[in-house]
N, C-alpha and C. Protein backbone atom coordinates (compact mmCIF):
# COMPACT_ATOMS: atom_id res chain seq x y z
N MET A 1 0.85 -1.19 0.00
CA MET A 1 0.00 0.00 0.00
C MET A 1 0.88 1.24 0.00
N ILE A 2 0.47 2.31 0.70
CA ILE A 2 1.16 3.57 0.60
C ILE A 2 2.63 3.46 0.99
N ASN A 3 2.93 2.71 2.07
CA ASN A 3 4.32 2.64 2.51
C ASN A 3 5.20 1.80 1.60
N GLN A 4 4.63 1.19 0.57
CA GLN A 4 5.39 0.40 -0.37
C GLN A 4 5.70 1.16 -1.66
N ILE A 5 5.10 2.34 -1.83
CA ILE A 5 5.23 3.05 -3.08
C ILE A 5 6.67 3.40 -3.40
N ALA A 6 7.42 3.80 -2.39
CA ALA A 6 8.79 4.24 -2.61
C ALA A 6 9.66 3.15 -3.21
N THR A 7 9.25 1.86 -3.09
CA THR A 7 10.07 0.78 -3.62
C THR A 7 9.89 0.60 -5.12
N GLU A 8 8.88 1.27 -5.71
CA GLU A 8 8.58 1.10 -7.13
C GLU A 8 9.34 2.13 -7.96
N ALA A 9 10.66 2.14 -7.82
CA ALA A 9 11.48 3.17 -8.47
C ALA A 9 11.41 3.08 -9.99
N GLU A 10 11.39 1.89 -10.54
CA GLU A 10 11.36 1.74 -11.99
C GLU A 10 10.05 2.27 -12.56
N ASP A 11 8.93 1.96 -11.90
CA ASP A 11 7.64 2.47 -12.36
C ASP A 11 7.60 4.00 -12.26
N ALA A 12 8.15 4.54 -11.19
CA ALA A 12 8.15 5.99 -11.01
C ALA A 12 8.98 6.67 -12.10
N ALA A 13 10.14 6.12 -12.41
CA ALA A 13 10.99 6.69 -13.45
C ALA A 13 10.29 6.64 -14.81
N PHE A 14 9.63 5.53 -15.09
CA PHE A 14 8.88 5.40 -16.34
C PHE A 14 7.82 6.48 -16.43
N ALA A 15 7.08 6.69 -15.34
CA ALA A 15 5.99 7.67 -15.33
C ALA A 15 6.53 9.09 -15.53
N ARG A 16 7.61 9.44 -14.87
CA ARG A 16 8.18 10.78 -15.01
C ARG A 16 8.54 11.08 -16.45
N THR A 17 9.19 10.13 -17.10
CA THR A 17 9.58 10.32 -18.50
C THR A 17 8.37 10.40 -19.41
N ALA A 18 7.43 9.49 -19.20
CA ALA A 18 6.23 9.45 -20.05
C ALA A 18 5.39 10.71 -19.90
N LEU A 19 5.27 11.21 -18.69
CA LEU A 19 4.47 12.42 -18.46
C LEU A 19 5.08 13.63 -19.17
N LEU A 20 6.38 13.78 -19.09
CA LEU A 20 7.03 14.92 -19.75
C LEU A 20 6.94 14.80 -21.27
N GLN A 21 7.06 13.59 -21.79
CA GLN A 21 6.92 13.39 -23.24
C GLN A 21 5.50 13.72 -23.68
N TRP A 22 4.52 13.26 -22.93
CA TRP A 22 3.12 13.56 -23.25
C TRP A 22 2.88 15.07 -23.18
N PHE A 23 3.41 15.71 -22.17
CA PHE A 23 3.23 17.14 -21.99
C PHE A 23 3.81 17.93 -23.16
N GLY A 24 4.87 17.41 -23.76
CA GLY A 24 5.50 18.11 -24.87
C GLY A 24 4.58 18.36 -26.05
N HIS A 25 3.57 17.51 -26.22
CA HIS A 25 2.65 17.72 -27.34
C HIS A 25 1.20 17.92 -26.90
N SER A 26 0.93 17.91 -25.58
CA SER A 26 -0.45 18.01 -25.11
C SER A 26 -0.66 19.09 -24.05
N ALA A 27 0.33 19.93 -23.84
CA ALA A 27 0.22 20.97 -22.80
C ALA A 27 -0.92 21.94 -23.10
N ARG A 28 -1.65 22.30 -22.06
CA ARG A 28 -2.65 23.35 -22.19
C ARG A 28 -1.94 24.70 -22.22
N GLN A 29 -2.58 25.66 -22.88
CA GLN A 29 -2.00 26.99 -23.00
C GLN A 29 -2.82 28.00 -22.19
N PHE A 30 -2.16 28.62 -21.22
CA PHE A 30 -2.80 29.65 -20.40
C PHE A 30 -1.86 30.85 -20.29
N PRO A 31 -2.41 32.04 -20.09
CA PRO A 31 -1.56 33.24 -20.07
C PRO A 31 -0.55 33.29 -18.94
N TRP A 32 -0.74 32.51 -17.90
CA TRP A 32 0.19 32.53 -16.77
C TRP A 32 1.29 31.46 -16.89
N ARG A 33 1.20 30.62 -17.87
CA ARG A 33 2.17 29.54 -18.00
C ARG A 33 3.58 30.09 -18.29
N TYR A 34 4.53 29.65 -17.53
CA TYR A 34 5.94 30.01 -17.66
C TYR A 34 6.20 31.51 -17.48
N ASP A 35 5.27 32.20 -16.87
CA ASP A 35 5.48 33.59 -16.46
C ASP A 35 6.04 33.52 -15.03
N THR A 36 7.28 33.92 -14.85
CA THR A 36 7.94 33.77 -13.55
C THR A 36 7.80 35.00 -12.66
N ASN A 37 7.05 35.99 -13.08
CA ASN A 37 6.81 37.15 -12.23
C ASN A 37 6.05 36.68 -10.99
N PRO A 38 6.62 36.81 -9.80
CA PRO A 38 5.97 36.27 -8.60
C PRO A 38 4.56 36.82 -8.38
N TYR A 39 4.35 38.09 -8.65
CA TYR A 39 3.02 38.67 -8.48
C TYR A 39 2.03 38.03 -9.45
N HIS A 40 2.45 37.82 -10.68
CA HIS A 40 1.57 37.18 -11.66
C HIS A 40 1.22 35.76 -11.24
N VAL A 41 2.22 35.03 -10.76
CA VAL A 41 1.98 33.67 -10.29
C VAL A 41 1.00 33.68 -9.12
N LEU A 42 1.20 34.59 -8.20
CA LEU A 42 0.31 34.71 -7.05
C LEU A 42 -1.13 34.94 -7.49
N ILE A 43 -1.34 35.90 -8.38
CA ILE A 43 -2.70 36.23 -8.83
C ILE A 43 -3.34 35.02 -9.51
N ALA A 44 -2.59 34.36 -10.38
CA ALA A 44 -3.13 33.19 -11.07
C ALA A 44 -3.53 32.10 -10.09
N GLU A 45 -2.65 31.78 -9.16
CA GLU A 45 -2.93 30.70 -8.22
C GLU A 45 -4.08 31.03 -7.28
N MET A 46 -4.19 32.29 -6.87
CA MET A 46 -5.32 32.69 -6.03
C MET A 46 -6.63 32.56 -6.79
N MET A 47 -6.62 32.89 -8.08
CA MET A 47 -7.84 32.79 -8.89
C MET A 47 -8.20 31.34 -9.19
N LEU A 48 -7.20 30.49 -9.32
CA LEU A 48 -7.44 29.10 -9.72
C LEU A 48 -8.03 28.24 -8.61
N ARG A 49 -8.04 28.75 -7.40
CA ARG A 49 -8.62 27.98 -6.31
C ARG A 49 -10.11 27.77 -6.54
N ARG A 50 -10.51 26.52 -6.62
CA ARG A 50 -11.92 26.12 -6.78
C ARG A 50 -12.55 26.65 -8.08
N THR A 51 -11.73 26.98 -9.06
CA THR A 51 -12.24 27.52 -10.31
C THR A 51 -11.49 26.90 -11.48
N GLN A 52 -12.21 26.59 -12.55
CA GLN A 52 -11.57 25.98 -13.71
C GLN A 52 -10.72 27.01 -14.44
N ALA A 53 -9.61 26.52 -14.98
CA ALA A 53 -8.63 27.41 -15.60
C ALA A 53 -9.22 28.22 -16.75
N ARG A 54 -10.09 27.63 -17.55
CA ARG A 54 -10.64 28.37 -18.69
C ARG A 54 -11.50 29.55 -18.24
N GLN A 55 -12.10 29.47 -17.06
CA GLN A 55 -12.85 30.59 -16.52
C GLN A 55 -11.92 31.69 -16.01
N VAL A 56 -10.76 31.27 -15.52
CA VAL A 56 -9.83 32.22 -14.92
C VAL A 56 -9.12 33.07 -15.97
N ALA A 57 -8.80 32.50 -17.12
CA ALA A 57 -7.94 33.16 -18.10
C ALA A 57 -8.36 34.60 -18.44
N PRO A 58 -9.61 34.86 -18.84
CA PRO A 58 -9.96 36.25 -19.19
C PRO A 58 -9.96 37.19 -17.99
N VAL A 59 -10.35 36.68 -16.82
CA VAL A 59 -10.36 37.52 -15.62
C VAL A 59 -8.92 37.84 -15.20
N TYR A 60 -8.05 36.88 -15.32
CA TYR A 60 -6.63 37.06 -14.98
C TYR A 60 -6.03 38.19 -15.82
N LYS A 61 -6.27 38.17 -17.11
CA LYS A 61 -5.70 39.19 -18.00
C LYS A 61 -6.26 40.57 -17.68
N GLU A 62 -7.55 40.64 -17.42
CA GLU A 62 -8.17 41.93 -17.08
C GLU A 62 -7.68 42.43 -15.73
N PHE A 63 -7.51 41.53 -14.79
CA PHE A 63 -7.04 41.90 -13.45
C PHE A 63 -5.64 42.53 -13.53
N LEU A 64 -4.74 41.90 -14.29
CA LEU A 64 -3.39 42.43 -14.39
C LEU A 64 -3.35 43.73 -15.19
N ARG A 65 -4.29 43.90 -16.09
CA ARG A 65 -4.36 45.18 -16.81
C ARG A 65 -4.71 46.31 -15.85
N LYS A 66 -5.63 46.04 -14.93
CA LYS A 66 -6.07 47.06 -13.98
C LYS A 66 -5.11 47.21 -12.80
N PHE A 67 -4.58 46.07 -12.35
CA PHE A 67 -3.72 46.07 -11.15
C PHE A 67 -2.42 45.34 -11.48
N PRO A 68 -1.49 45.99 -12.16
CA PRO A 68 -0.30 45.32 -12.69
C PRO A 68 0.75 44.95 -11.65
N ASP A 69 0.61 45.43 -10.42
CA ASP A 69 1.60 45.11 -9.39
C ASP A 69 0.97 45.23 -8.01
N VAL A 70 1.72 44.89 -6.99
CA VAL A 70 1.20 44.90 -5.63
C VAL A 70 0.75 46.29 -5.23
N ARG A 71 1.53 47.30 -5.59
CA ARG A 71 1.19 48.66 -5.19
C ARG A 71 -0.16 49.10 -5.75
N SER A 72 -0.40 48.83 -7.03
CA SER A 72 -1.67 49.24 -7.64
C SER A 72 -2.85 48.51 -7.02
N LEU A 73 -2.64 47.24 -6.64
CA LEU A 73 -3.71 46.49 -5.98
C LEU A 73 -3.93 47.03 -4.57
N HIS A 74 -2.85 47.36 -3.90
CA HIS A 74 -2.94 47.92 -2.56
C HIS A 74 -3.74 49.22 -2.55
N LEU A 75 -3.56 50.06 -3.58
CA LEU A 75 -4.22 51.36 -3.65
C LEU A 75 -5.62 51.30 -4.27
N ALA A 76 -5.97 50.18 -4.86
CA ALA A 76 -7.26 50.06 -5.55
C ALA A 76 -8.44 50.09 -4.59
N ALA A 77 -9.55 50.58 -5.08
CA ALA A 77 -10.78 50.58 -4.30
C ALA A 77 -11.32 49.15 -4.19
N ASN A 78 -11.85 48.82 -3.04
CA ASN A 78 -12.40 47.49 -2.82
C ASN A 78 -13.45 47.12 -3.87
N ASP A 79 -14.31 48.09 -4.20
CA ASP A 79 -15.38 47.83 -5.16
C ASP A 79 -14.81 47.52 -6.54
N ASP A 80 -13.70 48.16 -6.91
CA ASP A 80 -13.09 47.92 -8.21
C ASP A 80 -12.51 46.51 -8.28
N VAL A 81 -11.86 46.09 -7.20
CA VAL A 81 -11.31 44.73 -7.14
C VAL A 81 -12.45 43.71 -7.17
N ARG A 82 -13.47 43.99 -6.40
CA ARG A 82 -14.62 43.08 -6.33
C ARG A 82 -15.29 42.94 -7.70
N ALA A 83 -15.43 44.04 -8.41
CA ALA A 83 -16.09 44.00 -9.72
C ALA A 83 -15.25 43.22 -10.73
N THR A 84 -13.95 43.35 -10.65
CA THR A 84 -13.07 42.64 -11.58
C THR A 84 -13.11 41.14 -11.34
N LEU A 85 -13.24 40.75 -10.09
CA LEU A 85 -13.26 39.34 -9.73
C LEU A 85 -14.66 38.72 -9.82
N TYR A 86 -15.66 39.53 -10.03
CA TYR A 86 -17.05 39.08 -10.00
C TYR A 86 -17.32 37.85 -10.88
N PRO A 87 -16.76 37.78 -12.11
CA PRO A 87 -17.07 36.62 -12.95
C PRO A 87 -16.63 35.28 -12.36
N LEU A 88 -15.72 35.31 -11.40
CA LEU A 88 -15.25 34.06 -10.79
C LEU A 88 -16.12 33.61 -9.62
N GLY A 89 -17.02 34.49 -9.15
CA GLY A 89 -17.83 34.16 -8.00
C GLY A 89 -17.03 34.19 -6.72
N LEU A 90 -17.57 33.63 -5.67
CA LEU A 90 -16.90 33.56 -4.36
C LEU A 90 -16.44 34.94 -3.90
N LYS A 91 -17.36 35.68 -3.33
CA LYS A 91 -17.10 37.08 -2.98
C LYS A 91 -15.93 37.28 -2.02
N TRP A 92 -15.60 36.24 -1.26
CA TRP A 92 -14.51 36.37 -0.31
C TRP A 92 -13.18 36.65 -0.98
N ARG A 93 -13.07 36.37 -2.26
CA ARG A 93 -11.80 36.57 -2.95
C ARG A 93 -11.34 38.02 -2.92
N ALA A 94 -12.26 38.96 -3.13
CA ALA A 94 -11.87 40.37 -3.19
C ALA A 94 -11.21 40.81 -1.89
N GLU A 95 -11.79 40.43 -0.78
CA GLU A 95 -11.22 40.78 0.52
C GLU A 95 -9.84 40.13 0.70
N ASN A 96 -9.72 38.89 0.23
CA ASN A 96 -8.43 38.19 0.33
C ASN A 96 -7.35 38.88 -0.49
N PHE A 97 -7.70 39.29 -1.69
CA PHE A 97 -6.72 39.95 -2.56
C PHE A 97 -6.26 41.27 -1.95
N LYS A 98 -7.19 42.03 -1.42
CA LYS A 98 -6.83 43.31 -0.81
C LYS A 98 -6.00 43.11 0.45
N ALA A 99 -6.39 42.19 1.30
CA ALA A 99 -5.65 41.93 2.53
C ALA A 99 -4.23 41.47 2.21
N LEU A 100 -4.11 40.66 1.19
CA LEU A 100 -2.80 40.16 0.79
C LEU A 100 -1.91 41.29 0.29
N ALA A 101 -2.46 42.16 -0.56
CA ALA A 101 -1.69 43.30 -1.08
C ALA A 101 -1.27 44.23 0.05
N ASN A 102 -2.16 44.44 1.00
CA ASN A 102 -1.83 45.31 2.13
C ASN A 102 -0.68 44.72 2.96
N GLU A 103 -0.75 43.43 3.22
CA GLU A 103 0.27 42.77 4.01
C GLU A 103 1.63 42.78 3.29
N LEU A 104 1.60 42.52 2.00
CA LEU A 104 2.84 42.54 1.22
C LEU A 104 3.47 43.93 1.22
N THR A 105 2.62 44.95 1.17
CA THR A 105 3.12 46.32 1.16
C THR A 105 3.75 46.69 2.50
N VAL A 106 3.09 46.33 3.57
CA VAL A 106 3.54 46.72 4.91
C VAL A 106 4.76 45.90 5.34
N ARG A 107 4.72 44.60 5.11
CA ARG A 107 5.77 43.72 5.66
C ARG A 107 6.92 43.43 4.70
N PHE A 108 6.64 43.46 3.39
CA PHE A 108 7.66 43.02 2.43
C PHE A 108 7.93 44.05 1.33
N GLN A 109 7.58 45.29 1.54
CA GLN A 109 7.84 46.37 0.58
C GLN A 109 7.31 46.05 -0.82
N GLY A 110 6.18 45.35 -0.86
CA GLY A 110 5.53 45.05 -2.13
C GLY A 110 6.09 43.86 -2.88
N GLU A 111 7.04 43.14 -2.29
CA GLU A 111 7.64 41.98 -2.94
C GLU A 111 7.15 40.70 -2.28
N LEU A 112 7.06 39.62 -3.09
CA LEU A 112 6.69 38.32 -2.52
C LEU A 112 7.90 37.66 -1.89
N PRO A 113 7.76 37.15 -0.67
CA PRO A 113 8.89 36.44 -0.04
C PRO A 113 9.17 35.12 -0.74
N HIS A 114 10.35 34.58 -0.47
CA HIS A 114 10.76 33.33 -1.09
C HIS A 114 10.46 32.10 -0.25
N THR A 115 10.49 32.23 1.05
CA THR A 115 10.40 31.03 1.89
C THR A 115 8.96 30.59 2.11
N ARG A 116 8.79 29.29 2.30
CA ARG A 116 7.47 28.73 2.53
C ARG A 116 6.86 29.30 3.82
N ARG A 117 7.69 29.42 4.84
CA ARG A 117 7.19 29.94 6.12
C ARG A 117 6.63 31.36 5.96
N GLU A 118 7.35 32.22 5.27
CA GLU A 118 6.88 33.59 5.08
C GLU A 118 5.65 33.64 4.18
N LEU A 119 5.62 32.82 3.15
CA LEU A 119 4.45 32.80 2.26
C LEU A 119 3.21 32.34 3.03
N LEU A 120 3.36 31.33 3.87
CA LEU A 120 2.22 30.83 4.63
C LEU A 120 1.75 31.83 5.69
N SER A 121 2.58 32.79 6.03
CA SER A 121 2.18 33.80 7.01
C SER A 121 1.28 34.87 6.41
N LEU A 122 1.13 34.85 5.10
CA LEU A 122 0.32 35.86 4.41
C LEU A 122 -1.14 35.43 4.36
N PRO A 123 -2.07 36.38 4.45
CA PRO A 123 -3.50 36.04 4.44
C PRO A 123 -3.92 35.44 3.11
N GLY A 124 -4.68 34.36 3.18
CA GLY A 124 -5.23 33.74 1.98
C GLY A 124 -4.30 32.77 1.27
N ILE A 125 -3.07 32.62 1.77
CA ILE A 125 -2.12 31.70 1.13
C ILE A 125 -1.97 30.44 1.97
N GLY A 126 -2.38 29.32 1.39
CA GLY A 126 -2.24 28.04 2.04
C GLY A 126 -1.06 27.28 1.47
N PRO A 127 -0.88 26.04 1.90
CA PRO A 127 0.28 25.25 1.45
C PRO A 127 0.38 25.10 -0.06
N TYR A 128 -0.75 24.86 -0.75
CA TYR A 128 -0.68 24.64 -2.19
C TYR A 128 -0.22 25.90 -2.92
N VAL A 129 -0.83 27.04 -2.61
CA VAL A 129 -0.47 28.29 -3.28
C VAL A 129 0.98 28.66 -2.95
N ALA A 130 1.38 28.48 -1.71
CA ALA A 130 2.77 28.77 -1.33
C ALA A 130 3.73 27.93 -2.15
N ASP A 131 3.44 26.65 -2.29
CA ASP A 131 4.32 25.77 -3.06
C ASP A 131 4.29 26.10 -4.54
N ALA A 132 3.13 26.49 -5.06
CA ALA A 132 3.04 26.87 -6.47
C ALA A 132 3.91 28.10 -6.75
N ILE A 133 3.91 29.06 -5.85
CA ILE A 133 4.75 30.25 -6.01
C ILE A 133 6.22 29.86 -5.98
N ARG A 134 6.59 29.00 -5.04
CA ARG A 134 7.98 28.57 -4.95
C ARG A 134 8.43 27.86 -6.22
N CYS A 135 7.54 27.07 -6.80
CA CYS A 135 7.89 26.33 -8.01
C CYS A 135 7.87 27.24 -9.24
N PHE A 136 6.71 27.84 -9.54
CA PHE A 136 6.53 28.53 -10.80
C PHE A 136 7.19 29.91 -10.86
N ALA A 137 7.36 30.56 -9.72
CA ALA A 137 8.02 31.86 -9.71
C ALA A 137 9.51 31.75 -9.44
N TYR A 138 9.88 30.84 -8.53
CA TYR A 138 11.27 30.78 -8.09
C TYR A 138 12.01 29.52 -8.54
N GLY A 139 11.32 28.63 -9.26
CA GLY A 139 11.97 27.47 -9.85
C GLY A 139 12.42 26.41 -8.87
N GLU A 140 11.85 26.39 -7.67
CA GLU A 140 12.24 25.40 -6.68
C GLU A 140 11.62 24.04 -7.00
N THR A 141 12.31 22.99 -6.62
CA THR A 141 11.79 21.64 -6.82
C THR A 141 10.78 21.35 -5.73
N VAL A 142 9.52 21.50 -6.08
CA VAL A 142 8.40 21.40 -5.14
C VAL A 142 7.34 20.49 -5.74
N THR A 143 6.67 19.74 -4.90
CA THR A 143 5.57 18.88 -5.33
C THR A 143 4.24 19.56 -5.05
N LEU A 144 3.40 19.68 -6.07
CA LEU A 144 2.08 20.26 -5.89
C LEU A 144 1.08 19.12 -5.73
N ALA A 145 0.72 18.87 -4.49
CA ALA A 145 -0.20 17.78 -4.17
C ALA A 145 -1.58 18.34 -3.91
N ASP A 146 -2.51 18.06 -4.82
CA ASP A 146 -3.91 18.44 -4.60
C ASP A 146 -4.77 17.23 -4.94
N THR A 147 -6.07 17.41 -4.93
CA THR A 147 -6.98 16.29 -5.18
C THR A 147 -6.69 15.62 -6.51
N ASN A 148 -6.32 16.40 -7.52
CA ASN A 148 -6.12 15.86 -8.85
C ASN A 148 -4.80 15.11 -9.00
N THR A 149 -3.72 15.71 -8.51
CA THR A 149 -2.43 15.02 -8.64
C THR A 149 -2.36 13.79 -7.73
N VAL A 150 -3.04 13.84 -6.59
CA VAL A 150 -3.11 12.66 -5.72
C VAL A 150 -3.87 11.54 -6.43
N ARG A 151 -4.92 11.89 -7.14
CA ARG A 151 -5.69 10.88 -7.87
C ARG A 151 -4.80 10.14 -8.87
N VAL A 152 -3.98 10.87 -9.61
CA VAL A 152 -3.08 10.23 -10.57
C VAL A 152 -2.12 9.28 -9.87
N ALA A 153 -1.49 9.76 -8.80
CA ALA A 153 -0.53 8.92 -8.07
C ALA A 153 -1.22 7.69 -7.49
N ALA A 154 -2.41 7.86 -6.92
CA ALA A 154 -3.12 6.74 -6.30
C ALA A 154 -3.50 5.69 -7.33
N ARG A 155 -3.98 6.13 -8.47
CA ARG A 155 -4.35 5.17 -9.50
C ARG A 155 -3.12 4.45 -10.05
N TYR A 156 -2.09 5.20 -10.30
CA TYR A 156 -0.90 4.62 -10.92
C TYR A 156 -0.21 3.63 -9.99
N PHE A 157 0.02 4.04 -8.74
CA PHE A 157 0.73 3.18 -7.81
C PHE A 157 -0.18 2.18 -7.10
N GLY A 158 -1.49 2.43 -7.11
CA GLY A 158 -2.43 1.47 -6.55
C GLY A 158 -2.64 1.57 -5.06
N PHE A 159 -3.09 2.74 -4.59
CA PHE A 159 -3.44 2.87 -3.18
C PHE A 159 -4.74 3.66 -3.04
N ASP A 160 -5.42 3.46 -1.93
CA ASP A 160 -6.68 4.14 -1.68
C ASP A 160 -6.43 5.60 -1.33
N TYR A 161 -7.39 6.44 -1.67
CA TYR A 161 -7.25 7.86 -1.37
C TYR A 161 -8.63 8.47 -1.16
N ASN A 162 -8.64 9.64 -0.53
CA ASN A 162 -9.87 10.39 -0.34
C ASN A 162 -9.54 11.88 -0.37
N ALA A 163 -10.51 12.71 -0.03
CA ALA A 163 -10.33 14.16 -0.13
C ALA A 163 -9.23 14.69 0.78
N GLU A 164 -8.94 13.97 1.85
CA GLU A 164 -7.93 14.44 2.81
C GLU A 164 -6.55 13.83 2.56
N SER A 165 -6.43 12.96 1.58
CA SER A 165 -5.17 12.27 1.36
C SER A 165 -4.02 13.22 1.04
N ARG A 166 -4.32 14.34 0.41
CA ARG A 166 -3.26 15.28 0.03
C ARG A 166 -2.51 15.84 1.23
N ARG A 167 -3.07 15.69 2.41
CA ARG A 167 -2.42 16.20 3.62
C ARG A 167 -1.47 15.18 4.26
N LYS A 168 -1.46 13.97 3.75
CA LYS A 168 -0.64 12.91 4.35
C LYS A 168 0.75 12.89 3.73
N PRO A 169 1.79 12.94 4.55
CA PRO A 169 3.17 12.98 4.02
C PRO A 169 3.48 11.83 3.07
N GLN A 170 2.99 10.62 3.38
CA GLN A 170 3.31 9.48 2.52
C GLN A 170 2.63 9.61 1.15
N VAL A 171 1.49 10.26 1.11
CA VAL A 171 0.81 10.48 -0.17
C VAL A 171 1.55 11.55 -0.97
N VAL A 172 1.96 12.62 -0.30
CA VAL A 172 2.76 13.65 -0.97
C VAL A 172 4.04 13.03 -1.53
N ASP A 173 4.64 12.11 -0.79
CA ASP A 173 5.83 11.43 -1.27
C ASP A 173 5.53 10.64 -2.55
N ALA A 174 4.34 10.05 -2.61
CA ALA A 174 3.96 9.30 -3.81
C ALA A 174 3.82 10.23 -5.01
N VAL A 175 3.20 11.38 -4.82
CA VAL A 175 3.08 12.36 -5.90
C VAL A 175 4.47 12.85 -6.31
N THR A 176 5.34 13.03 -5.34
CA THR A 176 6.70 13.51 -5.61
C THR A 176 7.43 12.59 -6.57
N GLN A 177 7.15 11.30 -6.51
CA GLN A 177 7.81 10.35 -7.39
C GLN A 177 7.43 10.55 -8.85
N LEU A 178 6.36 11.29 -9.11
CA LEU A 178 5.94 11.56 -10.48
C LEU A 178 6.51 12.89 -11.00
N ILE A 179 7.26 13.60 -10.17
CA ILE A 179 7.82 14.90 -10.54
C ILE A 179 9.30 14.76 -10.84
N GLU A 180 9.69 15.10 -12.05
CA GLU A 180 11.10 15.07 -12.42
C GLU A 180 11.83 16.22 -11.72
N PRO A 181 12.76 15.91 -10.80
CA PRO A 181 13.38 16.96 -10.01
C PRO A 181 14.21 17.95 -10.82
N GLU A 182 14.66 17.55 -12.01
CA GLU A 182 15.45 18.45 -12.85
C GLU A 182 14.58 19.41 -13.65
N SER A 183 13.28 19.14 -13.72
CA SER A 183 12.36 20.00 -14.48
C SER A 183 11.07 20.19 -13.68
N PRO A 184 11.16 20.80 -12.49
CA PRO A 184 9.99 20.85 -11.61
C PRO A 184 8.82 21.64 -12.19
N VAL A 185 9.10 22.72 -12.92
CA VAL A 185 8.00 23.52 -13.47
C VAL A 185 7.23 22.73 -14.51
N SER A 186 7.91 22.22 -15.52
CA SER A 186 7.25 21.43 -16.55
C SER A 186 6.63 20.16 -15.98
N ALA A 187 7.30 19.54 -15.02
CA ALA A 187 6.79 18.30 -14.45
C ALA A 187 5.49 18.53 -13.69
N ASN A 188 5.41 19.62 -12.93
CA ASN A 188 4.17 19.91 -12.21
C ASN A 188 3.05 20.30 -13.17
N TYR A 189 3.37 21.11 -14.17
CA TYR A 189 2.36 21.44 -15.18
C TYR A 189 1.88 20.17 -15.89
N ALA A 190 2.82 19.29 -16.20
CA ALA A 190 2.47 18.05 -16.89
C ALA A 190 1.49 17.22 -16.07
N LEU A 191 1.77 17.09 -14.78
CA LEU A 191 0.90 16.29 -13.93
C LEU A 191 -0.48 16.92 -13.79
N LEU A 192 -0.53 18.24 -13.67
CA LEU A 192 -1.81 18.94 -13.58
C LEU A 192 -2.62 18.78 -14.87
N ASP A 193 -1.96 18.92 -16.02
CA ASP A 193 -2.65 18.79 -17.29
C ASP A 193 -3.09 17.35 -17.53
N PHE A 194 -2.25 16.41 -17.16
CA PHE A 194 -2.58 15.00 -17.32
C PHE A 194 -3.80 14.64 -16.49
N ALA A 195 -3.88 15.15 -15.28
CA ALA A 195 -5.04 14.89 -14.42
C ALA A 195 -6.31 15.49 -15.02
N ALA A 196 -6.18 16.64 -15.65
CA ALA A 196 -7.35 17.31 -16.22
C ALA A 196 -7.81 16.70 -17.54
N GLN A 197 -6.86 16.20 -18.32
CA GLN A 197 -7.20 15.78 -19.68
C GLN A 197 -7.28 14.26 -19.88
N ILE A 198 -6.50 13.51 -19.15
CA ILE A 198 -6.45 12.06 -19.33
C ILE A 198 -6.95 11.31 -18.10
N CYS A 199 -6.29 11.50 -16.98
CA CYS A 199 -6.66 10.77 -15.75
C CYS A 199 -7.73 11.54 -14.99
N ARG A 200 -8.85 11.73 -15.66
CA ARG A 200 -9.93 12.54 -15.11
C ARG A 200 -10.64 11.81 -13.98
N ALA A 201 -11.28 12.58 -13.10
CA ALA A 201 -11.99 11.98 -11.97
C ALA A 201 -13.07 11.03 -12.46
N ALA A 202 -13.84 11.49 -13.44
CA ALA A 202 -14.88 10.66 -14.05
C ALA A 202 -14.48 10.35 -15.48
N SER A 203 -14.70 9.13 -15.89
CA SER A 203 -14.40 8.69 -17.26
C SER A 203 -12.97 8.96 -17.69
N PRO A 204 -11.99 8.42 -16.98
CA PRO A 204 -10.60 8.60 -17.40
C PRO A 204 -10.37 7.98 -18.78
N LEU A 205 -9.49 8.61 -19.55
CA LEU A 205 -9.23 8.14 -20.91
C LEU A 205 -8.06 7.15 -20.91
N CYS A 206 -8.30 6.00 -20.34
CA CYS A 206 -7.24 5.01 -20.18
C CYS A 206 -6.68 4.54 -21.53
N SER A 207 -7.51 4.54 -22.55
CA SER A 207 -7.05 4.08 -23.86
C SER A 207 -6.04 5.05 -24.47
N GLN A 208 -6.00 6.29 -23.97
CA GLN A 208 -5.06 7.30 -24.47
C GLN A 208 -3.93 7.57 -23.49
N CYS A 209 -3.86 6.80 -22.43
CA CYS A 209 -2.93 7.08 -21.34
C CYS A 209 -1.53 6.52 -21.61
N PRO A 210 -0.51 7.36 -21.58
CA PRO A 210 0.86 6.88 -21.79
C PRO A 210 1.42 6.09 -20.61
N LEU A 211 0.70 6.09 -19.49
CA LEU A 211 1.14 5.35 -18.31
C LEU A 211 0.44 4.00 -18.17
N ALA A 212 -0.50 3.70 -19.05
CA ALA A 212 -1.39 2.56 -18.88
C ALA A 212 -0.66 1.24 -18.69
N SER A 213 0.44 1.03 -19.39
CA SER A 213 1.12 -0.27 -19.33
C SER A 213 1.64 -0.62 -17.94
N ARG A 214 1.83 0.40 -17.09
CA ARG A 214 2.33 0.15 -15.73
C ARG A 214 1.37 0.65 -14.65
N CYS A 215 0.19 1.05 -15.05
CA CYS A 215 -0.76 1.65 -14.11
C CYS A 215 -1.60 0.59 -13.41
N ASN A 216 -1.60 0.60 -12.09
CA ASN A 216 -2.37 -0.36 -11.31
C ASN A 216 -3.86 -0.25 -11.61
N TYR A 217 -4.35 0.96 -11.69
CA TYR A 217 -5.78 1.18 -11.94
C TYR A 217 -6.19 0.56 -13.27
N PHE A 218 -5.41 0.77 -14.31
CA PHE A 218 -5.71 0.24 -15.63
C PHE A 218 -5.64 -1.28 -15.62
N CYS A 219 -4.61 -1.82 -14.98
CA CYS A 219 -4.46 -3.27 -14.93
C CYS A 219 -5.63 -3.96 -14.24
N VAL A 220 -6.11 -3.34 -13.16
CA VAL A 220 -7.25 -3.91 -12.42
C VAL A 220 -8.51 -3.86 -13.29
N ARG A 221 -8.69 -2.77 -14.01
CA ARG A 221 -9.87 -2.64 -14.88
C ARG A 221 -9.84 -3.65 -16.01
N GLN A 222 -8.64 -3.97 -16.48
CA GLN A 222 -8.50 -4.91 -17.59
C GLN A 222 -8.64 -6.36 -17.14
N ALA A 223 -8.44 -6.60 -15.86
CA ALA A 223 -8.46 -7.99 -15.35
C ALA A 223 -9.83 -8.62 -15.46
């Protein structure tokens, strides 16, 4: 089960290579992809919480047009921020964005900190967003473990999972085995795209899956 995953080094290596190869011709295109500006990464990740990427894209571009940096967001009227975020729903977002800009201005002179501890000290930033900033803005080798990436790891390696599994260190370790440490940005994007397009929660496209030959989930279904 979970404590045995680390022994499957050959399967993990196969998956890392296959995922990056698949990503090379199947990557989704979004305006925040490979943009290393920490503020841009922050805005994208805050918007992507509980929202599909295709809904975020137009709002993200309009938001950065109106509020291109921390200072402009800090000085913006609450109603203006709220109106810009309105298409995404969840009214709490506007307050979070303003509180975050205020804190960054007061404590960090408008710059995003680098360390996980400092990022987690900011309002509205949880472990996933903090790790996404460290990876996509600062190029650190970080594993992004969420419901979707955990699903891929659980199916591939063959262990049970639920909504809280992403919080378990051994499950995060399993997801980590699917991330190529030399290419953390592309590897994390690859895993996220793969979960969205192939290893979907409902009706996974196993017939199109480059991992199928070694995937526990696929093998069980074929048995």
